[in-house]
């Protein structure tokens, strides 16, 4: 269900666990009951879910020839309105499509700060050492870490929105090799999920942790990204529109 972290010994355990991960360490051991339990725990924490494609052979379970993101996109174009925390609906989806991944739609209840794994690992250890509240954290494949935070909100008036040059949408993923800010109009895979090449998406800290304000994490994440060759330090502070 995730790697538990204390203030002291937890940091070294996180580091050792992340550095020692192999592509098939845990993702392939989640049975159908465990998968459903993890999905329901995420929904119970308020993360809205919708079905996604899954890897199939050397490609994707969808019908698109040469799918550019195999196993990493929603099944339906209506994923934003389809996303739900309803337990019964999620159980129906999970049982009718036992191989399907799930996405969580960002910008409604939560955002996700998505960073290269090396930077995320360092930032997570520094955050815990500093006593900063950290919410759920997941690893995606062997190269990204996902920090789940409270959302910046979905104001009724567009001029109340906080634009940010790190705002990420599915079609702009390649434009943000460093820090990506998934807010409204975007999504990420929610654990447990399978990626091509026998890689997985799994929790480091599960959804039982509360969602922190994104700004409390952003300075640590941008600083670590700068040190590991990602976004320059200080980029991405939201500005009033």
C-alpha atoms as a PDB file:
ATOM      1  CA  UNK A   1       0.000   0.000   0.000  1.00  0.00           C
ATOM      2  CA  UNK A   2       3.009   2.304  -0.019  1.00  0.00           C
ATOM      3  CA  UNK A   3       6.279   2.850   1.756  1.00  0.00           C
ATOM      4  CA  UNK A   4       5.760   4.275   5.235  1.00  0.00           C
ATOM      5  CA  UNK A   5       8.066   7.130   6.174  1.00  0.00           C
ATOM      6  CA  UNK A   6       9.090   8.451   9.579  1.00  0.00           C
ATOM      7  CA  UNK A   7      10.921  11.678  10.155  1.00  0.00           C
ATOM      8  CA  UNK A   8      14.348  10.034  10.582  1.00  0.00           C
ATOM      9  CA  UNK A   9      14.809   6.447   9.441  1.00  0.00           C
ATOM     10  CA  UNK A  10      12.139   6.928   6.786  1.00  0.00           C
ATOM     11  CA  UNK A  11      14.405   9.047   4.607  1.00  0.00           C
ATOM     12  CA  UNK A  12      17.072   6.381   4.203  1.00  0.00           C
ATOM     13  CA  UNK A  13      14.418   3.714   3.587  1.00  0.00           C
ATOM     14  CA  UNK A  14      12.881   5.810   0.814  1.00  0.00           C
ATOM     15  CA  UNK A  15      16.278   6.304  -0.787  1.00  0.00           C
ATOM     16  CA  UNK A  16      17.176   2.622  -0.578  1.00  0.00           C
ATOM     17  CA  UNK A  17      13.794   1.522  -1.882  1.00  0.00           C
ATOM     18  CA  UNK A  18      13.835   3.874  -4.857  1.00  0.00           C
ATOM     19  CA  UNK A  19      17.406   3.076  -5.822  1.00  0.00           C
ATOM     20  CA  UNK A  20      16.780  -0.638  -5.536  1.00  0.00           C
ATOM     21  CA  UNK A  21      13.562  -0.733  -7.557  1.00  0.00           C
ATOM     22  CA  UNK A  22      13.379  -3.106 -10.505  1.00  0.00           C
ATOM     23  CA  UNK A  23      10.703  -2.947 -13.211  1.00  0.00           C
ATOM     24  CA  UNK A  24       8.799  -5.937 -11.799  1.00  0.00           C
ATOM     25  CA  UNK A  25       9.377  -5.411  -8.065  1.00  0.00           C
ATOM     26  CA  UNK A  26       5.732  -4.904  -7.081  1.00  0.00           C
ATOM     27  CA  UNK A  27       3.447  -3.996  -9.944  1.00  0.00           C
ATOM     28  CA  UNK A  28       2.973  -7.544 -11.215  1.00  0.00           C
ATOM     29  CA  UNK A  29       2.191  -8.891  -7.722  1.00  0.00           C
ATOM     30  CA  UNK A  30      -0.977  -6.805  -7.241  1.00  0.00           C
ATOM     31  CA  UNK A  31      -3.854  -9.256  -7.688  1.00  0.00           C
ATOM     32  CA  UNK A  32      -7.350  -8.223  -8.701  1.00  0.00           C
ATOM     33  CA  UNK A  33      -8.495  -7.815  -5.097  1.00  0.00           C
ATOM     34  CA  UNK A  34      -5.420  -5.758  -4.221  1.00  0.00           C
ATOM     35  CA  UNK A  35      -5.847  -3.640  -7.335  1.00  0.00           C
ATOM     36  CA  UNK A  36      -9.454  -2.899  -6.508  1.00  0.00           C
ATOM     37  CA  UNK A  37      -8.566  -2.071  -2.902  1.00  0.00           C
ATOM     38  CA  UNK A  38      -5.914   0.420  -4.034  1.00  0.00           C
ATOM     39  CA  UNK A  39      -8.274   2.062  -6.519  1.00  0.00           C
ATOM     40  CA  UNK A  40     -11.032   2.371  -3.932  1.00  0.00           C
ATOM     41  CA  UNK A  41      -8.578   3.825  -1.422  1.00  0.00           C
ATOM     42  CA  UNK A  42      -7.620   6.502  -3.953  1.00  0.00           C
ATOM     43  CA  UNK A  43     -11.275   7.276  -4.663  1.00  0.00           C
ATOM     44  CA  UNK A  44     -12.003   7.297  -0.938  1.00  0.00           C
ATOM     45  CA  UNK A  45      -9.347   9.981  -0.540  1.00  0.00           C
ATOM     46  CA  UNK A  46     -11.233  12.112  -3.060  1.00  0.00           C
ATOM     47  CA  UNK A  47      -9.264  11.372  -6.248  1.00  0.00           C
ATOM     48  CA  UNK A  48     -11.718  11.145  -9.164  1.00  0.00           C
ATOM     49  CA  UNK A  49     -10.978   8.117 -11.353  1.00  0.00           C
ATOM     50  CA  UNK A  50     -11.773   6.998 -14.891  1.00  0.00           C
ATOM     51  CA  UNK A  51     -10.732   3.911 -16.889  1.00  0.00           C
ATOM     52  CA  UNK A  52      -7.575   4.058 -18.998  1.00  0.00           C
ATOM     53  CA  UNK A  53      -5.911   1.883 -21.599  1.00  0.00           C
ATOM     54  CA  UNK A  54      -3.294  -0.708 -20.707  1.00  0.00           C
ATOM     55  CA  UNK A  55      -0.216  -2.132 -22.447  1.00  0.00           C
ATOM     56  CA  UNK A  56      -1.004  -4.928 -24.894  1.00  0.00           C
ATOM     57  CA  UNK A  57       1.867  -6.810 -26.457  1.00  0.00           C
ATOM     58  CA  UNK A  58       4.234  -4.207 -27.854  1.00  0.00           C
ATOM     59  CA  UNK A  59       1.512  -1.579 -28.081  1.00  0.00           C
ATOM     60  CA  UNK A  60      -1.692  -0.328 -26.490  1.00  0.00           C
ATOM     61  CA  UNK A  61      -5.077  -1.856 -25.805  1.00  0.00           C
ATOM     62  CA  UNK A  62      -6.724   0.983 -27.756  1.00  0.00           C
ATOM     63  CA  UNK A  63      -7.463   0.700 -31.484  1.00  0.00           C
ATOM     64  CA  UNK A  64      -5.148   3.532 -32.494  1.00  0.00           C
ATOM     65  CA  UNK A  65      -2.326   2.425 -34.793  1.00  0.00           C
ATOM     66  CA  UNK A  66       1.000   3.631 -33.418  1.00  0.00           C
ATOM     67  CA  UNK A  67      -0.520   4.977 -30.181  1.00  0.00           C
ATOM     68  CA  UNK A  68       2.006   7.561 -28.882  1.00  0.00           C
ATOM     69  CA  UNK A  69       1.198   6.904 -25.193  1.00  0.00           C
ATOM     70  CA  UNK A  70       0.378   3.193 -24.895  1.00  0.00           C
ATOM     71  CA  UNK A  71      -1.394   2.322 -21.689  1.00  0.00           C
ATOM     72  CA  UNK A  72      -1.232   5.892 -20.443  1.00  0.00           C
ATOM     73  CA  UNK A  73      -4.411   7.589 -21.706  1.00  0.00           C
ATOM     74  CA  UNK A  74      -8.133   7.449 -20.827  1.00  0.00           C
ATOM     75  CA  UNK A  75     -10.422   5.082 -22.681  1.00  0.00           C
ATOM     76  CA  UNK A  76     -13.100   7.729 -23.245  1.00  0.00           C
ATOM     77  CA  UNK A  77     -12.804  11.228 -24.689  1.00  0.00           C
ATOM     78  CA  UNK A  78     -15.316  12.208 -21.980  1.00  0.00           C
ATOM     79  CA  UNK A  79     -12.889  11.315 -19.187  1.00  0.00           C
ATOM     80  CA  UNK A  80     -13.275  14.682 -17.443  1.00  0.00           C
ATOM     81  CA  UNK A  81     -17.012  14.290 -16.938  1.00  0.00           C
ATOM     82  CA  UNK A  82     -16.729  10.526 -16.476  1.00  0.00           C
ATOM     83  CA  UNK A  83     -14.213  10.778 -13.602  1.00  0.00           C
ATOM     84  CA  UNK A  84     -15.796   9.840 -10.309  1.00  0.00           C
ATOM     85  CA  UNK A  85     -15.165   8.773  -6.719  1.00  0.00           C
ATOM     86  CA  UNK A  86     -18.314   6.642  -6.656  1.00  0.00           C
ATOM     87  CA  UNK A  87     -17.347   3.297  -5.129  1.00  0.00           C
ATOM     88  CA  UNK A  88     -19.952   1.213  -6.971  1.00  0.00           C
ATOM     89  CA  UNK A  89     -19.007   2.649 -10.362  1.00  0.00           C
ATOM     90  CA  UNK A  90     -15.288   2.097  -9.799  1.00  0.00           C
ATOM     91  CA  UNK A  91     -15.962  -1.502  -8.729  1.00  0.00           C
ATOM     92  CA  UNK A  92     -17.975  -2.078 -11.927  1.00  0.00           C
ATOM     93  CA  UNK A  93     -15.189  -0.649 -14.092  1.00  0.00           C
ATOM     94  CA  UNK A  94     -12.452  -2.586 -12.310  1.00  0.00           C
ATOM     95  CA  UNK A  95     -14.291  -5.897 -12.510  1.00  0.00           C
ATOM     96  CA  UNK A  96     -15.419  -5.523 -16.123  1.00  0.00           C
ATOM     97  CA  UNK A  97     -11.909  -4.584 -17.322  1.00  0.00           C
ATOM     98  CA  UNK A  98      -9.443  -6.402 -15.028  1.00  0.00           C
ATOM     99  CA  UNK A  99      -6.383  -5.320 -17.034  1.00  0.00           C
ATOM    100  CA  UNK A 100      -7.307  -1.649 -17.379  1.00  0.00           C
ATOM    101  CA  UNK A 101      -5.254   1.144 -15.869  1.00  0.00           C
ATOM    102  CA  UNK A 102      -7.021   4.116 -14.313  1.00  0.00           C
ATOM    103  CA  UNK A 103      -6.350   7.830 -14.554  1.00  0.00           C
ATOM    104  CA  UNK A 104      -7.186  10.471 -11.984  1.00  0.00           C
ATOM    105  CA  UNK A 105      -8.433  13.779 -13.328  1.00  0.00           C
ATOM    106  CA  UNK A 106      -6.540  16.734 -11.873  1.00  0.00           C
ATOM    107  CA  UNK A 107      -7.743  20.255 -11.174  1.00  0.00           C
ATOM    108  CA  UNK A 108     -11.003  19.310  -9.472  1.00  0.00           C
ATOM    109  CA  UNK A 109      -9.881  18.065  -6.053  1.00  0.00           C
ATOM    110  CA  UNK A 110      -6.152  17.722  -6.476  1.00  0.00           C
ATOM    111  CA  UNK A 111      -3.199  18.727  -8.622  1.00  0.00           C
ATOM    112  CA  UNK A 112      -0.054  16.719  -9.305  1.00  0.00           C
ATOM    113  CA  UNK A 113       3.509  18.045  -9.417  1.00  0.00           C
ATOM    114  CA  UNK A 114       5.324  15.656 -11.755  1.00  0.00           C
ATOM    115  CA  UNK A 115       9.144  15.674 -11.691  1.00  0.00           C
ATOM    116  CA  UNK A 116      12.092  13.527 -12.848  1.00  0.00           C
ATOM    117  CA  UNK A 117      12.644  10.718 -10.368  1.00  0.00           C
ATOM    118  CA  UNK A 118      16.169  11.722  -9.294  1.00  0.00           C
ATOM    119  CA  UNK A 119      14.984  15.241  -8.462  1.00  0.00           C
ATOM    120  CA  UNK A 120      11.839  13.963  -6.785  1.00  0.00           C
ATOM    121  CA  UNK A 121      13.743  11.524  -4.618  1.00  0.00           C
ATOM    122  CA  UNK A 122      16.071  14.239  -3.371  1.00  0.00           C
ATOM    123  CA  UNK A 123      13.213  16.685  -2.820  1.00  0.00           C
ATOM    124  CA  UNK A 124      11.146  14.129  -0.903  1.00  0.00           C
ATOM    125  CA  UNK A 125      13.999  13.390   1.475  1.00  0.00           C
ATOM    126  CA  UNK A 126      14.619  17.121   2.026  1.00  0.00           C
ATOM    127  CA  UNK A 127      10.909  17.814   2.580  1.00  0.00           C
ATOM    128  CA  UNK A 128      10.602  15.081   5.198  1.00  0.00           C
ATOM    129  CA  UNK A 129      13.816  16.200   6.908  1.00  0.00           C
ATOM    130  CA  UNK A 130      12.469  19.759   7.088  1.00  0.00           C
ATOM    131  CA  UNK A 131       9.196  18.561   8.603  1.00  0.00           C
ATOM    132  CA  UNK A 132       7.141  19.854   5.659  1.00  0.00           C
ATOM    133  CA  UNK A 133       3.736  18.228   5.183  1.00  0.00           C
ATOM    134  CA  UNK A 134       3.931  15.877   2.188  1.00  0.00           C
ATOM    135  CA  UNK A 135       0.902  14.179   0.711  1.00  0.00           C
ATOM    136  CA  UNK A 136       0.633  11.079  -1.462  1.00  0.00           C
ATOM    137  CA  UNK A 137       3.639  10.393  -3.706  1.00  0.00           C
ATOM    138  CA  UNK A 138       3.904   7.860  -6.521  1.00  0.00           C
ATOM    139  CA  UNK A 139       6.638   6.673  -8.849  1.00  0.00           C
ATOM    140  CA  UNK A 140       5.806   6.305 -12.534  1.00  0.00           C
ATOM    141  CA  UNK A 141       8.033   3.905 -14.408  1.00  0.00           C
ATOM    142  CA  UNK A 142      11.707   4.403 -13.774  1.00  0.00           C
ATOM    143  CA  UNK A 143      11.840   8.113 -14.547  1.00  0.00           C
ATOM    144  CA  UNK A 144       9.092  10.223 -12.899  1.00  0.00           C
ATOM    145  CA  UNK A 145       7.739  10.972  -9.416  1.00  0.00           C
ATOM    146  CA  UNK A 146       4.246  12.326  -8.808  1.00  0.00           C
ATOM    147  CA  UNK A 147       3.515  14.579  -5.810  1.00  0.00           C
ATOM    148  CA  UNK A 148      -0.234  14.841  -5.154  1.00  0.00           C
ATOM    149  CA  UNK A 149      -1.360  18.181  -3.714  1.00  0.00           C
ATOM    150  CA  UNK A 150      -4.519  20.174  -3.134  1.00  0.00           C
ATOM    151  CA  UNK A 151      -5.706  21.935  -6.264  1.00  0.00           C
ATOM    152  CA  UNK A 152      -5.306  25.627  -6.952  1.00  0.00           C
ATOM    153  CA  UNK A 153      -9.036  25.585  -7.462  1.00  0.00           C
ATOM    154  CA  UNK A 154     -11.571  25.881 -10.240  1.00  0.00           C
ATOM    155  CA  UNK A 155     -12.931  29.412  -9.848  1.00  0.00           C
ATOM    156  CA  UNK A 156     -16.175  30.411 -11.513  1.00  0.00           C
ATOM    157  CA  UNK A 157     -14.545  33.519 -12.945  1.00  0.00           C
ATOM    158  CA  UNK A 158     -11.706  32.891 -15.400  1.00  0.00           C
ATOM    159  CA  UNK A 159      -9.878  36.046 -14.283  1.00  0.00           C
ATOM    160  CA  UNK A 160      -9.480  34.444 -10.829  1.00  0.00           C
ATOM    161  CA  UNK A 161      -7.387  31.622 -12.306  1.00  0.00           C
ATOM    162  CA  UNK A 162      -3.685  31.417 -11.499  1.00  0.00           C
ATOM    163  CA  UNK A 163      -1.836  30.775 -14.765  1.00  0.00           C
ATOM    164  CA  UNK A 164       1.512  29.022 -14.531  1.00  0.00           C
ATOM    165  CA  UNK A 165       3.997  28.286 -17.303  1.00  0.00           C
ATOM    166  CA  UNK A 166       4.415  24.790 -15.895  1.00  0.00           C
ATOM    167  CA  UNK A 167       0.727  23.922 -16.382  1.00  0.00           C
ATOM    168  CA  UNK A 168       0.693  20.597 -18.175  1.00  0.00           C
ATOM    169  CA  UNK A 169      -1.906  19.030 -20.453  1.00  0.00           C
ATOM    170  CA  UNK A 170      -1.720  15.604 -22.088  1.00  0.00           C
ATOM    171  CA  UNK A 171      -0.737  17.065 -25.441  1.00  0.00           C
ATOM    172  CA  UNK A 172       2.084  19.183 -23.935  1.00  0.00           C
ATOM    173  CA  UNK A 173       3.884  16.494 -21.926  1.00  0.00           C
ATOM    174  CA  UNK A 174       7.003  16.578 -24.116  1.00  0.00           C
ATOM    175  CA  UNK A 175       7.254  20.346 -23.609  1.00  0.00           C
ATOM    176  CA  UNK A 176       7.856  19.893 -19.871  1.00  0.00           C
ATOM    177  CA  UNK A 177      10.816  17.513 -19.384  1.00  0.00           C
ATOM    178  CA  UNK A 178      11.461  19.008 -15.947  1.00  0.00           C
ATOM    179  CA  UNK A 179       8.656  19.949 -13.567  1.00  0.00           C
ATOM    180  CA  UNK A 180       5.087  19.533 -14.829  1.00  0.00           C
ATOM    181  CA  UNK A 181       2.070  20.929 -12.998  1.00  0.00           C
ATOM    182  CA  UNK A 182      -1.028  18.855 -13.745  1.00  0.00           C
ATOM    183  CA  UNK A 183      -4.090  20.934 -12.924  1.00  0.00           C
ATOM    184  CA  UNK A 184      -7.448  21.320 -14.657  1.00  0.00           C
ATOM    185  CA  UNK A 185      -7.631  19.698 -18.063  1.00  0.00           C
ATOM    186  CA  UNK A 186      -4.926  17.142 -17.272  1.00  0.00           C
ATOM    187  CA  UNK A 187      -4.582  13.730 -15.669  1.00  0.00           C
ATOM    188  CA  UNK A 188      -2.058  11.180 -14.427  1.00  0.00           C
ATOM    189  CA  UNK A 189      -2.176   7.419 -14.030  1.00  0.00           C
ATOM    190  CA  UNK A 190      -3.136   6.392 -10.508  1.00  0.00           C
ATOM    191  CA  UNK A 191      -1.506   3.352  -8.859  1.00  0.00           C
ATOM    192  CA  UNK A 192      -1.554   0.506  -9.458  1.00  0.00           C
ATOM    193  CA  UNK A 193      -0.900   0.824 -13.178  1.00  0.00           C
ATOM    194  CA  UNK A 194       1.218  -0.960 -15.751  1.00  0.00           C
ATOM    195  CA  UNK A 195       3.368   0.756 -18.362  1.00  0.00           C
ATOM    196  CA  UNK A 196       5.040  -0.702 -21.462  1.00  0.00           C
ATOM    197  CA  UNK A 197       8.265  -2.557 -20.827  1.00  0.00           C
ATOM    198  CA  UNK A 198       6.979  -4.169 -17.605  1.00  0.00           C
ATOM    199  CA  UNK A 199       7.246  -0.861 -15.748  1.00  0.00           C
ATOM    200  CA  UNK A 200       4.710   0.162 -13.127  1.00  0.00           C
ATOM    201  CA  UNK A 201       3.115   3.115 -11.374  1.00  0.00           C
ATOM    202  CA  UNK A 202       3.015   2.573  -7.605  1.00  0.00           C
ATOM    203  CA  UNK A 203       2.674   4.474  -4.348  1.00  0.00           C
ATOM    204  CA  UNK A 204       5.646   5.551  -2.259  1.00  0.00           C
ATOM    205  CA  UNK A 205       3.265   7.318   0.136  1.00  0.00           C
ATOM    206  CA  UNK A 206      -0.341   6.265  -0.213  1.00  0.00           C
ATOM    207  CA  UNK A 207      -3.566   8.267  -0.529  1.00  0.00           C
ATOM    208  CA  UNK A 208      -4.115   8.088   3.241  1.00  0.00           C
ATOM    209  CA  UNK A 209      -1.851  11.144   3.510  1.00  0.00           C
ATOM    210  CA  UNK A 210      -3.615  14.518   3.308  1.00  0.00           C
ATOM    211  CA  UNK A 211      -3.194  16.788   0.294  1.00  0.00           C
ATOM    212  CA  UNK A 212      -0.806  19.695   1.036  1.00  0.00           C
ATOM    213  CA  UNK A 213      -0.819  23.122  -0.560  1.00  0.00           C
ATOM    214  CA  UNK A 214       1.257  22.864  -3.769  1.00  0.00           C
ATOM    215  CA  UNK A 215       3.223  26.006  -2.960  1.00  0.00           C
ATOM    216  CA  UNK A 216       4.690  24.355   0.144  1.00  0.00           C
ATOM    217  CA  UNK A 217       6.386  21.771  -2.104  1.00  0.00           C
ATOM    218  CA  UNK A 218       7.187  23.848  -5.154  1.00  0.00           C
ATOM    219  CA  UNK A 219      10.365  25.532  -3.909  1.00  0.00           C
ATOM    220  CA  UNK A 220      11.934  22.194  -2.948  1.00  0.00           C
ATOM    221  CA  UNK A 221      10.920  20.577  -6.241  1.00  0.00           C
ATOM    222  CA  UNK A 222      12.122  23.395  -8.490  1.00  0.00           C
ATOM    223  CA  UNK A 223      15.403  23.573  -6.592  1.00  0.00           C
ATOM    224  CA  UNK A 224      15.988  19.827  -6.991  1.00  0.00           C
ATOM    225  CA  UNK A 225      15.000  19.959 -10.671  1.00  0.00           C
ATOM    226  CA  UNK A 226      17.566  22.712 -11.232  1.00  0.00           C
ATOM    227  CA  UNK A 227      20.301  20.612  -9.630  1.00  0.00           C
ATOM    228  CA  UNK A 228      19.392  17.592 -11.731  1.00  0.00           C
ATOM    229  CA  UNK A 229      19.205  19.519 -15.008  1.00  0.00           C
ATOM    230  CA  UNK A 230      15.460  20.131 -15.098  1.00  0.00           C
ATOM    231  CA  UNK A 231      13.596  23.417 -14.808  1.00  0.00           C
ATOM    232  CA  UNK A 232      15.586  26.445 -13.577  1.00  0.00           C
ATOM    233  CA  UNK A 233      15.118  27.177  -9.879  1.00  0.00           C
ATOM    234  CA  UNK A 234      12.251  29.541  -9.198  1.00  0.00           C
ATOM    235  CA  UNK A 235      10.342  28.814 -12.418  1.00  0.00           C
ATOM    236  CA  UNK A 236       6.646  28.200 -12.112  1.00  0.00           C
ATOM    237  CA  UNK A 237       5.489  30.386  -9.245  1.00  0.00           C
ATOM    238  CA  UNK A 238       1.814  31.066 -10.002  1.00  0.00           C
ATOM    239  CA  UNK A 239       0.903  34.633 -10.900  1.00  0.00           C
ATOM    240  CA  UNK A 240      -2.463  36.267 -10.700  1.00  0.00           C
ATOM    241  CA  UNK A 241      -4.076  36.535 -14.122  1.00  0.00           C
END
